[in-house]
Amino acid sequence: MKKFISFLCTALLLMSCKSVRVDENSGNLQAGKPFRVAFGSCNRTEMENRFWDDILVMKPDLWIWGGDNIYADTDDMEKMRQMYRAQLNVPAYRDLIAEVPVIGTWDDHDYGLNDGGADFTARAESQREFLNFMGVPVDSPRREREGIYTSHTYTRPKGKVRVIVLDTRYFRTPLKKDPNREKRYIPHKPGEGTVLGEAQWAWLERELGESDADFNILVSSIQVLSGEHGFETWGNFPHEVQRLIRLIGASGAQGVFILSGDRHISEFSRMEAPTLPCTLVDFTSSGLTHAYQNFRGEPNPYRLGEVVARESFGAVLLDFNKREATFQMRGDGNEVLQEVTQKY
């Protein structure tokens, strides 16, 4: 029976890898009234982002920043502040935030240090600037806590969505460079180092364990499942990947999937494990203003479809009636570059 369920989950996921133009006003999309999530990462303020108008046309219920929302790379908070102001003053982005709720996480470049983690000396100051950019109230408990992790719940007549935003920077152990220079980084020894830190792990366990949402979205600035390329990834801490998989399975949380960024490429990864109730999808969408156009391939045993090495943003359509999620990489004009559907 378990083999049949595993086969069914995979078959439903392997739906399509196609390029089509989407009409957001078409009857088949409106009839189901899915909860619509748009997200993306890697956004340079000095470069044009062609997608803000497309995202508005999509009419999302939510926009999620996936990290590298600006490219500050500095411990100078005035410089960082000016870059956040520049983003807030982009006319098309102003139009978006006037109509759509905005949440999200950071990555290294808006954190302030390339590939940085707990070793960044200005992390507390950077957190303050990030929370200001995200419009977090001055009296919010988030202002008193280390790290920017948080959760948001959205309730609709047909169901509920919980978005669990992770902080993969504030507590992360410094990375281990490859002494042979074959890759940029190599994994730590089992049990050595952390991505989230114990306080955030305890919080995440509560968030998943107490969730009664139909869909639970984990937002991670770096990839979780693709861990062999030698750049930043949860795979540099293999024991943390396994801990997350065990936690998802033990929590009983429904409809869990991951949204990630960072890589300047977009791809779908999926994993099946005995401890998981169904296939775990990690949807990487990157980047908004620039992409790794010279991409020539890299190992990822969990990859589904092909890598998209062009500018794009991610769209997720959550159908409460069918209990399924449709994941789409979208290009300019809302062109669907690839798409997969997962049943929960």
Protein backbone atom coordinates (compact mmCIF):
# COMPACT_ATOMS: atom_id res chain seq x y z
CA MET A 1 0.00 0.00 0.00
CA LYS A 2 2.83 2.40 0.89
CA LYS A 3 4.49 1.69 -2.46
CA PHE A 4 1.23 2.47 -4.24
CA ILE A 5 0.82 5.78 -2.37
CA SER A 6 4.43 6.71 -3.16
CA PHE A 7 3.87 5.88 -6.83
CA LEU A 8 0.66 7.91 -6.89
CA CYS A 9 2.34 10.97 -5.34
CA THR A 10 5.15 10.85 -7.88
CA ALA A 11 2.79 10.34 -10.80
CA LEU A 12 0.74 13.35 -9.81
CA LEU A 13 3.88 15.47 -9.50
CA LEU A 14 5.26 14.53 -12.91
CA MET A 15 2.55 16.47 -14.66
CA SER A 16 4.24 18.77 -17.13
CA CYS A 17 7.24 20.85 -18.07
CA LYS A 18 5.85 23.27 -20.57
CA SER A 19 5.86 26.84 -21.82
CA VAL A 20 2.45 28.45 -22.22
CA ARG A 21 0.89 31.88 -21.87
CA VAL A 22 -1.52 32.24 -18.95
CA ASP A 23 -4.70 34.31 -19.07
CA GLU A 24 -5.43 35.12 -15.42
CA ASN A 25 -9.04 35.96 -16.27
CA SER A 26 -9.77 32.57 -17.83
CA GLY A 27 -12.73 30.74 -16.37
CA ASN A 28 -10.92 27.55 -15.40
CA LEU A 29 -8.59 29.41 -13.02
CA GLN A 30 -11.27 31.66 -11.57
CA ALA A 31 -13.77 28.84 -11.03
CA GLY A 32 -11.63 27.11 -8.41
CA LYS A 33 -10.53 30.37 -6.79
CA PRO A 34 -7.13 29.02 -5.69
CA PHE A 35 -5.06 30.78 -3.06
CA ARG A 36 -2.33 32.39 -5.15
CA VAL A 37 1.21 32.93 -3.96
CA ALA A 38 3.86 34.82 -5.94
CA PHE A 39 7.48 34.77 -4.82
CA GLY A 40 10.97 35.47 -6.01
CA SER A 41 14.55 36.27 -5.04
CA CYS A 42 17.73 37.97 -6.24
CA ASN A 43 16.59 41.52 -6.97
CA ARG A 44 19.12 44.26 -7.74
CA THR A 45 17.67 47.72 -7.21
CA GLU A 46 19.91 49.18 -9.93
CA MET A 47 18.52 46.73 -12.50
CA GLU A 48 15.06 46.59 -14.03
CA ASN A 49 12.62 44.09 -12.56
CA ARG A 50 10.22 43.33 -15.41
CA PHE A 51 7.84 41.24 -13.32
CA TRP A 52 6.03 43.59 -10.94
CA ASP A 53 3.28 44.31 -13.48
CA ASP A 54 2.97 40.60 -14.31
CA ILE A 55 2.60 39.79 -10.62
CA LEU A 56 -0.19 42.35 -10.30
CA VAL A 57 -1.94 40.82 -13.30
CA MET A 58 -1.71 37.45 -11.55
CA LYS A 59 -3.70 38.92 -8.64
CA PRO A 60 -1.88 37.03 -5.91
CA ASP A 61 -3.13 36.74 -2.36
CA LEU A 62 0.46 37.14 -1.21
CA TRP A 63 3.94 38.18 -2.35
CA ILE A 64 6.91 36.47 -0.64
CA TRP A 65 10.43 37.83 -0.82
CA GLY A 66 12.78 34.84 -0.99
CA GLY A 67 15.98 36.72 -0.13
CA ASP A 68 18.61 38.93 -1.76
CA ASN A 69 15.85 41.51 -1.94
CA ILE A 70 18.57 44.12 -2.33
CA TYR A 71 22.32 43.77 -2.87
CA ALA A 72 23.82 45.79 -0.04
CA ASP A 73 26.76 43.58 1.05
CA THR A 74 27.71 46.03 3.75
CA ASP A 75 27.85 46.68 7.47
CA ASP A 76 27.15 50.35 6.75
CA MET A 77 23.52 50.69 7.80
CA GLU A 78 23.03 54.03 6.07
CA LYS A 79 24.02 52.47 2.76
CA MET A 80 21.70 49.55 3.41
CA ARG A 81 18.88 51.92 4.36
CA GLN A 82 19.27 53.87 1.13
CA MET A 83 19.03 50.68 -0.93
CA TYR A 84 15.86 49.61 0.85
CA ARG A 85 14.43 53.08 0.23
CA ALA A 86 15.33 52.77 -3.44
CA GLN A 87 13.37 49.52 -3.66
CA LEU A 88 10.39 51.01 -1.84
CA ASN A 89 10.40 53.88 -4.33
CA VAL A 90 10.20 51.68 -7.43
CA PRO A 91 6.81 52.77 -8.88
CA ALA A 92 5.69 49.28 -9.95
CA TYR A 93 6.67 47.83 -6.58
CA ARG A 94 4.72 50.59 -4.82
CA ASP A 95 1.70 49.54 -6.88
CA LEU A 96 2.19 45.96 -5.73
CA ILE A 97 2.48 46.65 -2.01
CA ALA A 98 -0.57 48.91 -2.21
CA GLU A 99 -2.67 45.91 -3.26
CA VAL A 100 -0.92 42.74 -2.08
CA PRO A 101 0.31 41.63 1.38
CA VAL A 102 4.12 41.33 1.41
CA ILE A 103 6.18 39.05 3.65
CA GLY A 104 9.52 37.32 3.29
CA THR A 105 13.01 36.44 4.41
CA TRP A 106 16.52 37.68 3.68
CA ASP A 107 19.61 36.06 2.20
CA ASP A 108 23.27 36.94 2.32
CA HIS A 109 23.33 40.09 0.19
CA ASP A 110 20.53 41.88 2.04
CA TYR A 111 21.77 40.34 5.29
CA GLY A 112 25.00 42.23 4.61
CA LEU A 113 27.77 39.68 4.09
CA ASN A 114 28.27 37.43 1.07
CA ASP A 115 27.72 33.82 2.20
CA GLY A 116 27.52 35.19 5.73
CA GLY A 117 26.04 33.59 8.81
CA ALA A 118 26.42 34.01 12.56
CA ASP A 119 29.88 35.48 11.95
CA PHE A 120 28.44 38.74 10.55
CA THR A 121 29.15 41.38 13.20
CA ALA A 122 26.33 43.76 12.17
CA ARG A 123 23.55 41.17 12.09
CA ALA A 124 21.46 42.84 14.83
CA GLU A 125 21.60 46.20 13.06
CA SER A 126 20.82 44.55 9.73
CA GLN A 127 17.80 42.83 11.26
CA ARG A 128 16.42 46.22 12.31
CA GLU A 129 16.74 47.57 8.76
CA PHE A 130 15.11 44.48 7.28
CA LEU A 131 12.15 44.70 9.66
CA ASN A 132 11.77 48.38 8.78
CA PHE A 133 11.72 47.52 5.08
CA MET A 134 9.07 44.86 5.68
CA GLY A 135 6.92 47.32 7.62
CA VAL A 136 7.00 45.37 10.89
CA PRO A 137 5.48 47.53 13.67
CA VAL A 138 7.91 49.11 16.10
CA ASP A 139 6.17 47.40 19.03
CA SER A 140 6.19 43.93 17.44
CA PRO A 141 7.73 41.11 19.52
CA ARG A 142 9.86 40.39 16.46
CA ARG A 143 11.84 43.50 17.34
CA GLU A 144 12.93 41.89 20.61
CA ARG A 145 13.94 38.51 19.19
CA GLU A 146 17.17 37.51 17.49
CA GLY A 147 16.59 36.44 13.90
CA ILE A 148 13.84 37.34 11.46
CA TYR A 149 11.95 34.01 11.45
CA THR A 150 8.18 34.30 11.71
CA SER A 151 4.91 32.78 10.53
CA HIS A 152 1.72 34.07 8.92
CA THR A 153 -1.67 32.37 8.62
CA TYR A 154 -4.24 33.13 5.91
CA THR A 155 -7.78 31.83 6.30
CA ARG A 156 -10.23 31.49 3.44
CA PRO A 157 -13.74 29.99 3.36
CA LYS A 158 -12.41 26.76 1.85
CA GLY A 159 -9.23 26.36 3.89
CA LYS A 160 -6.16 27.74 5.58
CA VAL A 161 -2.55 28.45 4.57
CA ARG A 162 0.34 28.87 6.98
CA VAL A 163 3.60 30.40 5.74
CA ILE A 164 6.57 29.62 7.97
CA VAL A 165 9.43 31.99 7.16
CA LEU A 166 12.85 30.65 8.14
CA ASP A 167 16.04 32.59 8.87
CA THR A 168 19.00 30.70 7.39
CA ARG A 169 21.50 33.48 8.18
CA TYR A 170 21.42 34.79 11.75
CA PHE A 171 22.41 31.55 13.49
CA ARG A 172 24.12 29.61 10.71
CA THR A 173 27.55 28.16 11.38
CA PRO A 174 30.29 29.45 9.03
CA LEU A 175 30.73 27.32 5.93
CA LYS A 176 33.65 24.98 5.30
CA LYS A 177 35.75 25.79 2.24
CA ASP A 178 36.89 22.96 -0.01
CA PRO A 179 40.67 22.55 0.52
CA ASN A 180 40.94 20.90 -2.89
CA ARG A 181 39.13 23.82 -4.56
CA GLU A 182 36.96 21.46 -6.58
CA LYS A 183 33.89 23.14 -5.10
CA ARG A 184 33.38 26.33 -3.17
CA TYR A 185 32.20 24.56 0.00
CA ILE A 186 32.09 21.03 1.35
CA PRO A 187 29.70 19.57 3.94
CA HIS A 188 30.40 19.69 7.64
CA LYS A 189 30.85 16.43 9.53
CA PRO A 190 27.63 14.82 10.79
CA GLY A 191 26.35 16.73 13.80
CA GLU A 192 28.75 19.63 13.26
CA GLY A 193 27.23 23.10 12.86
CA THR A 194 23.70 24.38 12.36
CA VAL A 195 21.54 26.21 9.84
CA LEU A 196 18.74 27.40 12.12
CA GLY A 197 20.12 27.37 15.66
CA GLU A 198 18.36 25.65 18.56
CA ALA A 199 15.93 28.45 19.42
CA GLN A 200 14.62 28.55 15.84
CA TRP A 201 14.47 24.74 15.66
CA ALA A 202 12.32 24.63 18.79
CA TRP A 203 10.06 27.34 17.36
CA LEU A 204 9.75 25.50 14.03
CA GLU A 205 8.77 22.28 15.79
CA ARG A 206 5.95 24.15 17.55
CA GLU A 207 4.84 25.87 14.36
CA LEU A 208 4.51 22.64 12.40
CA GLY A 209 3.20 20.57 15.29
CA GLU A 210 0.43 23.04 16.13
CA SER A 211 -0.58 23.86 12.56
CA ASP A 212 -4.08 22.96 11.41
CA ALA A 213 -3.55 24.54 7.99
CA ASP A 214 -4.36 22.71 4.75
CA PHE A 215 -1.05 23.91 3.29
CA ASN A 216 2.15 24.71 5.17
CA ILE A 217 4.77 26.64 3.22
CA LEU A 218 8.37 26.69 4.45
CA VAL A 219 10.32 29.66 3.10
CA SER A 220 14.08 29.04 3.04
CA SER A 221 16.41 31.51 1.35
CA ILE A 222 18.76 28.67 0.34
CA GLN A 223 17.96 25.33 -1.29
CA VAL A 224 17.10 22.42 0.97
CA LEU A 225 17.05 19.37 -1.32
CA SER A 226 19.71 20.24 -3.91
CA GLY A 227 22.86 19.76 -1.88
CA GLU A 228 25.67 18.56 -4.16
CA HIS A 229 26.58 21.66 -6.17
CA GLY A 230 29.09 23.02 -3.66
CA PHE A 231 27.53 26.46 -3.22
CA GLU A 232 25.33 27.54 -0.34
CA THR A 233 22.73 24.92 0.53
CA TRP A 234 21.31 23.06 3.51
CA GLY A 235 23.37 20.19 2.08
CA ASN A 236 26.46 21.73 3.67
CA PHE A 237 24.88 20.53 6.92
CA PRO A 238 23.47 17.08 6.00
CA HIS A 239 22.30 16.35 9.53
CA GLU A 240 20.16 19.50 9.44
CA VAL A 241 18.48 18.30 6.23
CA GLN A 242 17.66 14.99 7.87
CA ARG A 243 16.43 16.75 10.98
CA LEU A 244 14.05 18.86 8.90
CA ILE A 245 12.71 15.83 7.02
CA ARG A 246 12.11 13.95 10.28
CA LEU A 247 10.42 16.98 11.80
CA ILE A 248 8.06 17.44 8.85
CA GLY A 249 7.07 13.78 9.00
CA ALA A 250 6.61 13.68 12.77
CA SER A 251 4.68 16.96 12.96
CA GLY A 252 1.57 15.71 11.19
CA ALA A 253 1.41 19.02 9.31
CA GLN A 254 -0.49 18.82 6.03
CA GLY A 255 0.55 19.97 2.57
CA VAL A 256 4.15 20.88 3.43
CA PHE A 257 6.42 22.22 0.71
CA ILE A 258 9.44 24.51 0.44
CA LEU A 259 10.06 27.75 -1.45
CA SER A 260 13.72 28.72 -1.89
CA GLY A 261 15.93 31.12 -3.84
CA ASP A 262 19.57 32.28 -3.94
CA ARG A 263 20.89 30.37 -6.95
CA HIS A 264 20.09 32.64 -9.94
CA ILE A 265 18.43 29.60 -11.51
CA SER A 266 14.97 28.10 -11.09
CA GLU A 267 14.27 24.41 -10.63
CA PHE A 268 11.90 21.92 -9.04
CA SER A 269 13.33 19.34 -6.65
CA ARG A 270 11.33 16.55 -5.05
CA MET A 271 12.07 13.89 -2.49
CA GLU A 272 10.30 10.81 -1.23
CA ALA A 273 11.26 9.43 2.18
CA PRO A 274 9.69 6.83 4.48
CA THR A 275 9.20 9.48 7.16
CA LEU A 276 7.30 11.82 4.82
CA PRO A 277 3.54 11.52 4.21
CA CYS A 278 4.02 12.35 0.52
CA THR A 279 6.51 13.85 -1.92
CA LEU A 280 8.38 16.89 -0.58
CA VAL A 281 8.79 19.65 -3.17
CA ASP A 282 11.49 22.33 -3.00
CA PHE A 283 10.62 25.02 -5.56
CA THR A 284 13.60 27.30 -6.23
CA SER A 285 12.80 30.58 -7.99
CA SER A 286 15.73 32.88 -8.79
CA GLY A 287 16.42 35.50 -9.96
CA LEU A 288 14.16 38.44 -10.54
CA THR A 289 16.61 40.83 -12.19
CA HIS A 290 19.54 38.62 -13.20
CA ALA A 291 20.16 34.92 -13.81
CA TYR A 292 23.01 32.43 -14.20
CA GLN A 293 22.75 32.44 -17.98
CA ASN A 294 26.04 30.56 -18.41
CA PHE A 295 24.67 27.62 -16.42
CA ARG A 296 26.09 24.38 -17.84
CA GLY A 297 24.72 21.85 -15.39
CA GLU A 298 25.28 20.56 -11.87
CA PRO A 299 24.26 17.44 -9.93
CA ASN A 300 20.87 17.31 -8.26
CA PRO A 301 19.43 13.80 -7.81
CA TYR A 302 16.08 15.32 -6.80
CA ARG A 303 15.62 17.53 -9.87
CA LEU A 304 12.33 17.36 -11.70
CA GLY A 305 12.29 18.75 -15.25
CA GLU A 306 14.97 21.15 -16.45
CA VAL A 307 16.84 24.05 -14.89
CA VAL A 308 15.60 27.45 -16.08
CA ALA A 309 18.57 29.84 -16.29
CA ARG A 310 16.69 33.02 -17.12
CA GLU A 311 14.94 35.71 -15.12
CA SER A 312 11.66 34.51 -13.65
CA PHE A 313 9.38 34.52 -10.64
CA GLY A 314 7.49 31.73 -8.93
CA ALA A 315 3.75 31.21 -8.71
CA VAL A 316 1.96 28.68 -6.52
CA LEU A 317 -1.76 28.00 -6.91
CA LEU A 318 -3.31 26.22 -3.92
CA ASP A 319 -6.60 24.45 -4.56
CA PHE A 320 -8.42 23.65 -1.31
CA ASN A 321 -11.13 21.59 -3.05
CA LYS A 322 -8.70 19.30 -4.87
CA ARG A 323 -6.08 19.53 -2.12
CA GLU A 324 -3.33 20.15 -4.62
CA ALA A 325 -0.63 22.71 -5.34
CA THR A 326 0.40 23.83 -8.80
CA PHE A 327 3.94 25.20 -9.00
CA GLN A 328 4.84 27.46 -11.92
CA MET A 329 8.01 29.19 -13.06
CA ARG A 330 6.81 32.33 -14.85
CA GLY A 331 8.63 34.59 -17.27
CA ASP A 332 7.83 37.99 -18.74
CA GLY A 333 4.16 38.38 -19.62
CA ASN A 334 3.25 35.54 -17.20
CA GLU A 335 4.60 32.93 -19.60
CA VAL A 336 4.65 29.58 -17.79
CA LEU A 337 8.13 28.17 -18.35
CA GLN A 338 7.62 24.97 -16.37
CA GLU A 339 4.84 23.59 -14.21
CA VAL A 340 4.25 20.67 -11.87
CA THR A 341 1.25 19.75 -9.73
CA GLN A 342 1.37 17.95 -6.41
CA LYS A 343 -1.60 16.26 -4.73
CA TYR A 344 -1.84 16.32 -0.92
